[in-house]
Amino acid sequence: SMILILTLLPSMLLSQERSYGIKGGWSISNFWGDGTEDVNNA
């Protein structure tokens, strides 16, 4: 069973379904870290 799995695994990975796409949207960003509080205080 192990030999069969090791033999078939590469072909399984090469033959699996793939998808391609595009997406976009909205981002909300900020800073974090110990230095962020120092910047805000200054």
PDB file of all heavy atoms in Angstrom:
ATOM      1  N   SER A   1       0.829  -1.205   0.000  1.00  0.00           N
ATOM      2  CA  SER A   1       0.000   0.000   0.000  1.00  0.00           C
ATOM      3  C   SER A   1       0.861   1.251   0.000  1.00  0.00           C
ATOM      4  O   SER A   1       0.584   2.216  -0.713  1.00  0.00           O
ATOM      5  CB  SER A   1      -0.924  -0.002   1.217  1.00  0.00           C
ATOM      6  OG  SER A   1      -1.790  -1.105   1.184  1.00  0.00           O
ATOM      7  N   MET A   2       1.932   1.235   0.807  1.00  0.00           N
ATOM      8  CA  MET A   2       2.816   2.395   0.865  1.00  0.00           C
ATOM      9  C   MET A   2       3.511   2.619  -0.464  1.00  0.00           C
ATOM     10  O   MET A   2       3.644   3.759  -0.933  1.00  0.00           O
ATOM     11  CB  MET A   2       3.855   2.195   1.973  1.00  0.00           C
ATOM     12  CG  MET A   2       4.797   3.385   2.154  1.00  0.00           C
ATOM     13  SD  MET A   2       3.894   4.904   2.592  1.00  0.00           S
ATOM     14  CE  MET A   2       3.325   4.457   4.235  1.00  0.00           C
ATOM     15  N   ILE A   3       3.954   1.543  -1.097  1.00  0.00           N
ATOM     16  CA  ILE A   3       4.613   1.667  -2.397  1.00  0.00           C
ATOM     17  C   ILE A   3       3.651   2.246  -3.435  1.00  0.00           C
ATOM     18  O   ILE A   3       4.010   3.120  -4.233  1.00  0.00           O
ATOM     19  CB  ILE A   3       5.152   0.296  -2.862  1.00  0.00           C
ATOM     20  CG1 ILE A   3       6.313  -0.146  -1.965  1.00  0.00           C
ATOM     21  CG2 ILE A   3       5.615   0.368  -4.319  1.00  0.00           C
ATOM     22  CD1 ILE A   3       6.778  -1.569  -2.232  1.00  0.00           C
ATOM     23  N   LEU A   4       2.397   1.788  -3.415  1.00  0.00           N
ATOM     24  CA  LEU A   4       1.399   2.307  -4.358  1.00  0.00           C
ATOM     25  C   LEU A   4       1.149   3.792  -4.136  1.00  0.00           C
ATOM     26  O   LEU A   4       1.052   4.568  -5.093  1.00  0.00           O
ATOM     27  CB  LEU A   4       0.097   1.522  -4.222  1.00  0.00           C
ATOM     28  CG  LEU A   4       0.101   0.093  -4.771  1.00  0.00           C
ATOM     29  CD1 LEU A   4      -1.199  -0.601  -4.415  1.00  0.00           C
ATOM     30  CD2 LEU A   4       0.320   0.102  -6.278  1.00  0.00           C
ATOM     31  N   ILE A   5       1.058   4.207  -2.869  1.00  0.00           N
ATOM     32  CA  ILE A   5       0.822   5.617  -2.557  1.00  0.00           C
ATOM     33  C   ILE A   5       1.976   6.470  -3.047  1.00  0.00           C
ATOM     34  O   ILE A   5       1.789   7.506  -3.694  1.00  0.00           O
ATOM     35  CB  ILE A   5       0.610   5.805  -1.046  1.00  0.00           C
ATOM     36  CG1 ILE A   5      -0.722   5.172  -0.620  1.00  0.00           C
ATOM     37  CG2 ILE A   5       0.634   7.288  -0.679  1.00  0.00           C
ATOM     38  CD1 ILE A   5      -0.938   5.161   0.875  1.00  0.00           C
ATOM     39  N   LEU A   6       3.212   6.029  -2.751  1.00  0.00           N
ATOM     40  CA  LEU A   6       4.388   6.796  -3.164  1.00  0.00           C
ATOM     41  C   LEU A   6       4.522   6.841  -4.679  1.00  0.00           C
ATOM     42  O   LEU A   6       5.011   7.824  -5.241  1.00  0.00           O
ATOM     43  CB  LEU A   6       5.656   6.196  -2.543  1.00  0.00           C
ATOM     44  CG  LEU A   6       5.768   6.312  -1.015  1.00  0.00           C
ATOM     45  CD1 LEU A   6       7.009   5.586  -0.525  1.00  0.00           C
ATOM     46  CD2 LEU A   6       5.794   7.770  -0.588  1.00  0.00           C
ATOM     47  N   THR A   7       4.065   5.786  -5.344  1.00  0.00           N
ATOM     48  CA  THR A   7       4.145   5.745  -6.802  1.00  0.00           C
ATOM     49  C   THR A   7       3.113   6.651  -7.452  1.00  0.00           C
ATOM     50  O   THR A   7       3.384   7.337  -8.442  1.00  0.00           O
ATOM     51  CB  THR A   7       3.954   4.306  -7.299  1.00  0.00           C
ATOM     52  OG1 THR A   7       4.954   3.465  -6.707  1.00  0.00           O
ATOM     53  CG2 THR A   7       4.081   4.237  -8.814  1.00  0.00           C
ATOM     54  N   LEU A   8       1.902   6.654  -6.895  1.00  0.00           N
ATOM     55  CA  LEU A   8       0.812   7.400  -7.505  1.00  0.00           C
ATOM     56  C   LEU A   8       0.742   8.855  -7.077  1.00  0.00           C
ATOM     57  O   LEU A   8       0.139   9.671  -7.764  1.00  0.00           O
ATOM     58  CB  LEU A   8      -0.524   6.720  -7.159  1.00  0.00           C
ATOM     59  CG  LEU A   8      -0.725   5.317  -7.732  1.00  0.00           C
ATOM     60  CD1 LEU A   8      -2.027   4.725  -7.202  1.00  0.00           C
ATOM     61  CD2 LEU A   8      -0.739   5.350  -9.256  1.00  0.00           C
ATOM     62  N   LEU A   9       1.358   9.211  -5.931  1.00  0.00           N
ATOM     63  CA  LEU A   9       1.230  10.570  -5.400  1.00  0.00           C
ATOM     64  C   LEU A   9       1.665  11.641  -6.383  1.00  0.00           C
ATOM     65  O   LEU A   9       0.956  12.629  -6.583  1.00  0.00           O
ATOM     66  CB  LEU A   9       1.998  10.690  -4.081  1.00  0.00           C
ATOM     67  CG  LEU A   9       1.888  12.043  -3.375  1.00  0.00           C
ATOM     68  CD1 LEU A   9       0.419  12.342  -3.044  1.00  0.00           C
ATOM     69  CD2 LEU A   9       2.733  12.061  -2.102  1.00  0.00           C
ATOM     70  N   PRO A  10       2.852  11.521  -7.042  1.00  0.00           N
ATOM     71  CA  PRO A  10       3.237  12.583  -7.990  1.00  0.00           C
ATOM     72  C   PRO A  10       2.208  12.800  -9.087  1.00  0.00           C
ATOM     73  O   PRO A  10       1.869  13.938  -9.427  1.00  0.00           O
ATOM     74  CB  PRO A  10       4.574  12.073  -8.540  1.00  0.00           C
ATOM     75  CG  PRO A  10       5.109  11.171  -7.480  1.00  0.00           C
ATOM     76  CD  PRO A  10       3.892  10.492  -6.905  1.00  0.00           C
ATOM     77  N   SER A  11       1.678  11.696  -9.663  1.00  0.00           N
ATOM     78  CA  SER A  11       0.688  11.866 -10.736  1.00  0.00           C
ATOM     79  C   SER A  11      -0.601  12.456 -10.203  1.00  0.00           C
ATOM     80  O   SER A  11      -1.292  13.207 -10.897  1.00  0.00           O
ATOM     81  CB  SER A  11       0.423  10.527 -11.421  1.00  0.00           C
ATOM     82  OG  SER A  11      -0.088   9.590 -10.489  1.00  0.00           O
ATOM     83  N   MET A  12      -0.964  12.107  -8.933  1.00  0.00           N
ATOM     84  CA  MET A  12      -2.164  12.692  -8.335  1.00  0.00           C
ATOM     85  C   MET A  12      -2.014  14.194  -8.208  1.00  0.00           C
ATOM     86  O   MET A  12      -2.915  14.965  -8.520  1.00  0.00           O
ATOM     87  CB  MET A  12      -2.414  12.074  -6.965  1.00  0.00           C
ATOM     88  CG  MET A  12      -2.875  10.622  -7.010  1.00  0.00           C
ATOM     89  SD  MET A  12      -2.868   9.873  -5.376  1.00  0.00           S
ATOM     90  CE  MET A  12      -4.038  10.917  -4.525  1.00  0.00           C
ATOM     91  N   LEU A  13      -0.839  14.638  -7.747  1.00  0.00           N
ATOM     92  CA  LEU A  13      -0.625  16.073  -7.539  1.00  0.00           C
ATOM     93  C   LEU A  13      -0.599  16.819  -8.863  1.00  0.00           C
ATOM     94  O   LEU A  13      -1.035  17.969  -8.947  1.00  0.00           O
ATOM     95  CB  LEU A  13       0.679  16.301  -6.786  1.00  0.00           C
ATOM     96  CG  LEU A  13       0.703  15.823  -5.328  1.00  0.00           C
ATOM     97  CD1 LEU A  13       2.071  16.081  -4.719  1.00  0.00           C
ATOM     98  CD2 LEU A  13      -0.391  16.481  -4.504  1.00  0.00           C
ATOM     99  N   LEU A  14      -0.066  16.177  -9.919  1.00  0.00           N
ATOM    100  CA  LEU A  14       0.050  16.843 -11.205  1.00  0.00           C
ATOM    101  C   LEU A  14      -1.273  16.898 -11.952  1.00  0.00           C
ATOM    102  O   LEU A  14      -1.437  17.663 -12.877  1.00  0.00           O
ATOM    103  CB  LEU A  14       1.098  16.132 -12.071  1.00  0.00           C
ATOM    104  CG  LEU A  14       2.548  16.219 -11.573  1.00  0.00           C
ATOM    105  CD1 LEU A  14       3.452  15.428 -12.501  1.00  0.00           C
ATOM    106  CD2 LEU A  14       3.004  17.667 -11.475  1.00  0.00           C
ATOM    107  N   SER A  15      -2.229  16.078 -11.561  1.00  0.00           N
ATOM    108  CA  SER A  15      -3.464  15.998 -12.337  1.00  0.00           C
ATOM    109  C   SER A  15      -4.654  16.644 -11.641  1.00  0.00           C
ATOM    110  O   SER A  15      -5.761  16.575 -12.141  1.00  0.00           O
ATOM    111  CB  SER A  15      -3.787  14.526 -12.628  1.00  0.00           C
ATOM    112  OG  SER A  15      -4.032  13.828 -11.410  1.00  0.00           O
ATOM    113  N   GLN A  16      -4.432  17.242 -10.474  1.00  0.00           N
ATOM    114  CA  GLN A  16      -5.564  17.799  -9.754  1.00  0.00           C
ATOM    115  C   GLN A  16      -6.075  19.071 -10.421  1.00  0.00           C
ATOM    116  O   GLN A  16      -5.342  19.774 -11.121  1.00  0.00           O
ATOM    117  CB  GLN A  16      -5.182  18.083  -8.302  1.00  0.00           C
ATOM    118  CG  GLN A  16      -4.851  16.830  -7.494  1.00  0.00           C
ATOM    119  CD  GLN A  16      -5.961  15.816  -7.547  1.00  0.00           C
ATOM    120  OE1 GLN A  16      -7.129  16.168  -7.479  1.00  0.00           O
ATOM    121  NE2 GLN A  16      -5.603  14.548  -7.691  1.00  0.00           N
ATOM    122  N   GLU A  17      -7.332  19.376 -10.157  1.00  0.00           N
ATOM    123  CA  GLU A  17      -7.986  20.538 -10.747  1.00  0.00           C
ATOM    124  C   GLU A  17      -7.326  21.830 -10.288  1.00  0.00           C
ATOM    125  O   GLU A  17      -6.912  21.970  -9.141  1.00  0.00           O
ATOM    126  CB  GLU A  17      -9.455  20.541 -10.341  1.00  0.00           C
ATOM    127  CG  GLU A  17     -10.262  21.647 -10.963  1.00  0.00           C
ATOM    128  CD  GLU A  17     -11.727  21.542 -10.589  1.00  0.00           C
ATOM    129  OE1 GLU A  17     -12.093  22.094  -9.547  1.00  0.00           O
ATOM    130  OE2 GLU A  17     -12.475  20.895 -11.336  1.00  0.00           O
ATOM    131  N   ARG A  18      -7.242  22.778 -11.187  1.00  0.00           N
ATOM    132  CA  ARG A  18      -6.674  24.090 -10.883  1.00  0.00           C
ATOM    133  C   ARG A  18      -7.697  25.156 -11.219  1.00  0.00           C
ATOM    134  O   ARG A  18      -8.582  24.953 -12.048  1.00  0.00           O
ATOM    135  CB  ARG A  18      -5.395  24.326 -11.685  1.00  0.00           C
ATOM    136  CG  ARG A  18      -4.312  23.316 -11.440  1.00  0.00           C
ATOM    137  CD  ARG A  18      -3.036  23.784 -12.088  1.00  0.00           C
ATOM    138  NE  ARG A  18      -2.630  25.044 -11.513  1.00  0.00           N
ATOM    139  CZ  ARG A  18      -1.448  25.238 -10.911  1.00  0.00           C
ATOM    140  NH1 ARG A  18      -0.598  24.252 -10.802  1.00  0.00           N
ATOM    141  NH2 ARG A  18      -1.133  26.414 -10.426  1.00  0.00           N
ATOM    142  N   SER A  19      -7.534  26.305 -10.586  1.00  0.00           N
ATOM    143  CA  SER A  19      -8.375  27.452 -10.925  1.00  0.00           C
ATOM    144  C   SER A  19      -7.516  28.703 -10.939  1.00  0.00           C
ATOM    145  O   SER A  19      -6.508  28.794 -10.226  1.00  0.00           O
ATOM    146  CB  SER A  19      -9.536  27.606  -9.941  1.00  0.00           C
ATOM    147  OG  SER A  19      -9.068  27.815  -8.625  1.00  0.00           O
ATOM    148  N   TYR A  20      -7.912  29.660 -11.762  1.00  0.00           N
ATOM    149  CA  TYR A  20      -7.235  30.940 -11.891  1.00  0.00           C
ATOM    150  C   TYR A  20      -8.291  32.035 -11.780  1.00  0.00           C
ATOM    151  O   TYR A  20      -9.422  31.865 -12.249  1.00  0.00           O
ATOM    152  CB  TYR A  20      -6.515  31.059 -13.238  1.00  0.00           C
ATOM    153  CG  TYR A  20      -5.413  30.043 -13.431  1.00  0.00           C
ATOM    154  CD1 TYR A  20      -5.704  28.774 -13.934  1.00  0.00           C
ATOM    155  CD2 TYR A  20      -4.106  30.345 -13.103  1.00  0.00           C
ATOM    156  CE1 TYR A  20      -4.706  27.837 -14.106  1.00  0.00           C
ATOM    157  CE2 TYR A  20      -3.092  29.416 -13.282  1.00  0.00           C
ATOM    158  CZ  TYR A  20      -3.399  28.168 -13.778  1.00  0.00           C
ATOM    159  OH  TYR A  20      -2.399  27.230 -13.936  1.00  0.00           O
ATOM    160  N   GLY A  21      -7.917  33.144 -11.153  1.00  0.00           N
ATOM    161  CA  GLY A  21      -8.917  34.184 -11.005  1.00  0.00           C
ATOM    162  C   GLY A  21      -8.342  35.534 -10.653  1.00  0.00           C
ATOM    163  O   GLY A  21      -7.117  35.715 -10.533  1.00  0.00           O
ATOM    164  N   ILE A  22      -9.243  36.465 -10.489  1.00  0.00           N
ATOM    165  CA  ILE A  22      -8.901  37.835 -10.120  1.00  0.00           C
ATOM    166  C   ILE A  22      -9.911  38.307  -9.077  1.00  0.00           C
ATOM    167  O   ILE A  22     -11.090  37.920  -9.128  1.00  0.00           O
ATOM    168  CB  ILE A  22      -8.905  38.765 -11.358  1.00  0.00           C
ATOM    169  CG1 ILE A  22      -8.437  40.168 -10.979  1.00  0.00           C
ATOM    170  CG2 ILE A  22     -10.271  38.786 -12.041  1.00  0.00           C
ATOM    171  CD1 ILE A  22      -8.205  41.077 -12.187  1.00  0.00           C
ATOM    172  N   LYS A  23      -9.456  39.099  -8.129  1.00  0.00           N
ATOM    173  CA  LYS A  23     -10.354  39.661  -7.127  1.00  0.00           C
ATOM    174  C   LYS A  23      -9.813  41.004  -6.674  1.00  0.00           C
ATOM    175  O   LYS A  23      -8.626  41.314  -6.829  1.00  0.00           O
ATOM    176  CB  LYS A  23     -10.524  38.708  -5.933  1.00  0.00           C
ATOM    177  CG  LYS A  23      -9.227  38.347  -5.241  1.00  0.00           C
ATOM    178  CD  LYS A  23      -9.442  37.238  -4.221  1.00  0.00           C
ATOM    179  CE  LYS A  23      -8.111  36.720  -3.680  1.00  0.00           C
ATOM    180  NZ  LYS A  23      -8.276  35.584  -2.751  1.00  0.00           N
ATOM    181  N   GLY A  24     -10.685  41.800  -6.113  1.00  0.00           N
ATOM    182  CA  GLY A  24     -10.289  43.107  -5.615  1.00  0.00           C
ATOM    183  C   GLY A  24     -11.255  43.556  -4.543  1.00  0.00           C
ATOM    184  O   GLY A  24     -12.312  42.953  -4.342  1.00  0.00           O
ATOM    185  N   GLY A  25     -10.890  44.625  -3.856  1.00  0.00           N
ATOM    186  CA  GLY A  25     -11.774  45.107  -2.804  1.00  0.00           C
ATOM    187  C   GLY A  25     -11.157  46.189  -1.958  1.00  0.00           C
ATOM    188  O   GLY A  25     -10.303  46.954  -2.418  1.00  0.00           O
ATOM    189  N   TRP A  26     -11.578  46.214  -0.723  1.00  0.00           N
ATOM    190  CA  TRP A  26     -11.320  47.300   0.212  1.00  0.00           C
ATOM    191  C   TRP A  26     -10.309  46.851   1.251  1.00  0.00           C
ATOM    192  O   TRP A  26     -10.393  45.742   1.768  1.00  0.00           O
ATOM    193  CB  TRP A  26     -12.636  47.682   0.875  1.00  0.00           C
ATOM    194  CG  TRP A  26     -12.669  48.993   1.591  1.00  0.00           C
ATOM    195  CD1 TRP A  26     -12.802  49.192   2.930  1.00  0.00           C
ATOM    196  CD2 TRP A  26     -12.592  50.299   1.013  1.00  0.00           C
ATOM    197  NE1 TRP A  26     -12.827  50.538   3.226  1.00  0.00           N
ATOM    198  CE2 TRP A  26     -12.689  51.239   2.056  1.00  0.00           C
ATOM    199  CE3 TRP A  26     -12.446  50.758  -0.298  1.00  0.00           C
ATOM    200  CZ2 TRP A  26     -12.652  52.613   1.833  1.00  0.00           C
ATOM    201  CZ3 TRP A  26     -12.405  52.136  -0.524  1.00  0.00           C
ATOM    202  CH2 TRP A  26     -12.517  53.032   0.537  1.00  0.00           C
ATOM    203  N   SER A  27      -9.346  47.715   1.583  1.00  0.00           N
ATOM    204  CA  SER A  27      -8.369  47.391   2.613  1.00  0.00           C
ATOM    205  C   SER A  27      -8.425  48.435   3.730  1.00  0.00           C
ATOM    206  O   SER A  27      -8.647  49.621   3.484  1.00  0.00           O
ATOM    207  CB  SER A  27      -6.955  47.319   2.035  1.00  0.00           C
ATOM    208  OG  SER A  27      -6.495  48.600   1.651  1.00  0.00           O
ATOM    209  N   ILE A  28      -8.230  47.954   4.948  1.00  0.00           N
ATOM    210  CA  ILE A  28      -8.173  48.799   6.148  1.00  0.00           C
ATOM    211  C   ILE A  28      -6.851  48.488   6.831  1.00  0.00           C
ATOM    212  O   ILE A  28      -6.636  47.354   7.284  1.00  0.00           O
ATOM    213  CB  ILE A  28      -9.349  48.495   7.095  1.00  0.00           C
ATOM    214  CG1 ILE A  28     -10.679  48.621   6.366  1.00  0.00           C
ATOM    215  CG2 ILE A  28      -9.314  49.409   8.312  1.00  0.00           C
ATOM    216  CD1 ILE A  28     -11.858  48.058   7.147  1.00  0.00           C
ATOM    217  N   SER A  29      -5.954  49.451   6.896  1.00  0.00           N
ATOM    218  CA  SER A  29      -4.619  49.170   7.418  1.00  0.00           C
ATOM    219  C   SER A  29      -4.250  50.114   8.552  1.00  0.00           C
ATOM    220  O   SER A  29      -4.854  51.174   8.744  1.00  0.00           O
ATOM    221  CB  SER A  29      -3.574  49.260   6.302  1.00  0.00           C
ATOM    222  OG  SER A  29      -3.479  50.579   5.800  1.00  0.00           O
ATOM    223  N   ASN A  30      -3.204  49.698   9.287  1.00  0.00           N
ATOM    224  CA  ASN A  30      -2.697  50.478  10.405  1.00  0.00           C
ATOM    225  C   ASN A  30      -1.312  49.941  10.748  1.00  0.00           C
ATOM    226  O   ASN A  30      -0.809  49.036  10.086  1.00  0.00           O
ATOM    227  CB  ASN A  30      -3.647  50.394  11.604  1.00  0.00           C
ATOM    228  CG  ASN A  30      -3.640  51.651  12.459  1.00  0.00           C
ATOM    229  OD1 ASN A  30      -2.580  52.142  12.850  1.00  0.00           O
ATOM    230  ND2 ASN A  30      -4.824  52.174  12.744  1.00  0.00           N
ATOM    231  N   PHE A  31      -0.699  50.491  11.785  1.00  0.00           N
ATOM    232  CA  PHE A  31       0.591  50.007  12.267  1.00  0.00           C
ATOM    233  C   PHE A  31       0.411  49.315  13.608  1.00  0.00           C
ATOM    234  O   PHE A  31      -0.516  49.620  14.373  1.00  0.00           O
ATOM    235  CB  PHE A  31       1.578  51.166  12.447  1.00  0.00           C
ATOM    236  CG  PHE A  31       1.981  51.852  11.168  1.00  0.00           C
ATOM    237  CD1 PHE A  31       2.117  53.237  11.117  1.00  0.00           C
ATOM    238  CD2 PHE A  31       2.238  51.127  10.015  1.00  0.00           C
ATOM    239  CE1 PHE A  31       2.498  53.873   9.956  1.00  0.00           C
ATOM    240  CE2 PHE A  31       2.615  51.754   8.845  1.00  0.00           C
ATOM    241  CZ  PHE A  31       2.747  53.135   8.807  1.00  0.00           C
ATOM    242  N   TRP A  32       1.318  48.373  13.885  1.00  0.00           N
ATOM    243  CA  TRP A  32       1.368  47.759  15.196  1.00  0.00           C
ATOM    244  C   TRP A  32       2.843  47.617  15.598  1.00  0.00           C
ATOM    245  O   TRP A  32       3.739  47.833  14.797  1.00  0.00           O
ATOM    246  CB  TRP A  32       0.671  46.391  15.208  1.00  0.00           C
ATOM    247  CG  TRP A  32       1.487  45.272  14.604  1.00  0.00           C
ATOM    248  CD1 TRP A  32       1.627  44.971  13.273  1.00  0.00           C
ATOM    249  CD2 TRP A  32       2.283  44.334  15.319  1.00  0.00           C
ATOM    250  NE1 TRP A  32       2.453  43.913  13.102  1.00  0.00           N
ATOM    251  CE2 TRP A  32       2.873  43.481  14.339  1.00  0.00           C
ATOM    252  CE3 TRP A  32       2.558  44.113  16.666  1.00  0.00           C
ATOM    253  CZ2 TRP A  32       3.731  42.424  14.694  1.00  0.00           C
ATOM    254  CZ3 TRP A  32       3.401  43.059  17.009  1.00  0.00           C
ATOM    255  CH2 TRP A  32       3.976  42.237  16.036  1.00  0.00           C
ATOM    256  N   GLY A  33       3.075  47.245  16.851  1.00  0.00           N
ATOM    257  CA  GLY A  33       4.443  47.083  17.334  1.00  0.00           C
ATOM    258  C   GLY A  33       4.758  48.068  18.441  1.00  0.00           C
ATOM    259  O   GLY A  33       4.086  49.101  18.597  1.00  0.00           O
ATOM    260  N   ASP A  34       5.797  47.767  19.197  1.00  0.00           N
ATOM    261  CA  ASP A  34       6.179  48.614  20.332  1.00  0.00           C
ATOM    262  C   ASP A  34       6.504  50.041  19.911  1.00  0.00           C
ATOM    263  O   ASP A  34       6.266  50.990  20.663  1.00  0.00           O
ATOM    264  CB  ASP A  34       7.382  48.001  21.053  1.00  0.00           C
ATOM    265  CG  ASP A  34       7.058  46.665  21.714  1.00  0.00           C
ATOM    266  OD1 ASP A  34       5.865  46.426  21.973  1.00  0.00           O
ATOM    267  OD2 ASP A  34       7.991  45.871  21.947  1.00  0.00           O
ATOM    268  N   GLY A  35       7.052  50.200  18.704  1.00  0.00           N
ATOM    269  CA  GLY A  35       7.432  51.541  18.260  1.00  0.00           C
ATOM    270  C   GLY A  35       6.260  52.409  17.872  1.00  0.00           C
ATOM    271  O   GLY A  35       6.388  53.644  17.815  1.00  0.00           O
ATOM    272  N   THR A  36       5.106  51.809  17.604  1.00  0.00           N
ATOM    273  CA  THR A  36       3.940  52.582  17.175  1.00  0.00           C
ATOM    274  C   THR A  36       3.490  53.558  18.261  1.00  0.00           C
ATOM    275  O   THR A  36       3.164  54.717  17.976  1.00  0.00           O
ATOM    276  CB  THR A  36       2.788  51.635  16.811  1.00  0.00           C
ATOM    277  OG1 THR A  36       3.231  50.740  15.796  1.00  0.00           O
ATOM    278  CG2 THR A  36       1.595  52.414  16.296  1.00  0.00           C
ATOM    279  N   GLU A  37       3.477  53.097  19.508  1.00  0.00           N
ATOM    280  CA  GLU A  37       3.076  53.970  20.608  1.00  0.00           C
ATOM    281  C   GLU A  37       4.062  55.122  20.786  1.00  0.00           C
ATOM    282  O   GLU A  37       3.663  56.254  21.096  1.00  0.00           O
ATOM    283  CB  GLU A  37       2.972  53.159  21.903  1.00  0.00           C
ATOM    284  CG  GLU A  37       2.299  53.880  23.045  1.00  0.00           C
ATOM    285  CD  GLU A  37       0.841  54.201  22.764  1.00  0.00           C
ATOM    286  OE1 GLU A  37       0.208  53.456  21.991  1.00  0.00           O
ATOM    287  OE2 GLU A  37       0.343  55.209  23.309  1.00  0.00           O
ATOM    288  N   ASP A  38       5.355  54.857  20.555  1.00  0.00           N
ATOM    289  CA  ASP A  38       6.361  55.920  20.649  1.00  0.00           C
ATOM    290  C   ASP A  38       6.109  56.995  19.598  1.00  0.00           C
ATOM    291  O   ASP A  38       6.220  58.198  19.884  1.00  0.00           O
ATOM    292  CB  ASP A  38       7.768  55.333  20.468  1.00  0.00           C
ATOM    293  CG  ASP A  38       8.147  54.370  21.584  1.00  0.00           C
ATOM    294  OD1 ASP A  38       7.570  54.487  22.696  1.00  0.00           O
ATOM    295  OD2 ASP A  38       9.022  53.520  21.352  1.00  0.00           O
ATOM    296  N   VAL A  39       5.769  56.580  18.372  1.00  0.00           N
ATOM    297  CA  VAL A  39       5.479  57.537  17.302  1.00  0.00           C
ATOM    298  C   VAL A  39       4.251  58.369  17.653  1.00  0.00           C
ATOM    299  O   VAL A  39       4.255  59.605  17.517  1.00  0.00           O
ATOM    300  CB  VAL A  39       5.268  56.799  15.964  1.00  0.00           C
ATOM    301  CG1 VAL A  39       4.762  57.766  14.889  1.00  0.00           C
ATOM    302  CG2 VAL A  39       6.561  56.139  15.504  1.00  0.00           C
ATOM    303  N   ASN A  40       3.190  57.715  18.119  1.00  0.00           N
ATOM    304  CA  ASN A  40       1.968  58.441  18.474  1.00  0.00           C
ATOM    305  C   ASN A  40       2.217  59.437  19.599  1.00  0.00           C
ATOM    306  O   ASN A  40       1.707  60.566  19.574  1.00  0.00           O
ATOM    307  CB  ASN A  40       0.877  57.450  18.888  1.00  0.00           C
ATOM    308  CG  ASN A  40       0.402  56.602  17.735  1.00  0.00           C
ATOM    309  OD1 ASN A  40       0.438  57.014  16.578  1.00  0.00           O
ATOM    310  ND2 ASN A  40      -0.041  55.387  18.047  1.00  0.00           N
ATOM    311  N   ASN A  41       2.984  59.035  20.602  1.00  0.00           N
ATOM    312  CA  ASN A  41       3.285  59.934  21.721  1.00  0.00           C
ATOM    313  C   ASN A  41       4.082  61.138  21.261  1.00  0.00           C
ATOM    314  O   ASN A  41       3.849  62.268  21.707  1.00  0.00           O
ATOM    315  CB  ASN A  41       4.039  59.186  22.812  1.00  0.00           C
ATOM    316  CG  ASN A  41       3.164  58.176  23.544  1.00  0.00           C
ATOM    317  OD1 ASN A  41       1.944  58.295  23.548  1.00  0.00           O
ATOM    318  ND2 ASN A  41       3.776  57.181  24.161  1.00  0.00           N
ATOM    319  N   ALA A  42       5.059  60.924  20.361  1.00  0.00           N
ATOM    320  CA  ALA A  42       5.865  62.036  19.858  1.00  0.00           C
ATOM    321  C   ALA A  42       5.001  63.013  19.066  1.00  0.00           C
ATOM    322  O   ALA A  42       5.130  64.238  19.218  1.00  0.00           O
ATOM    323  CB  ALA A  42       6.998  61.502  18.985  1.00  0.00           C
TER     324      ALA A  42
END
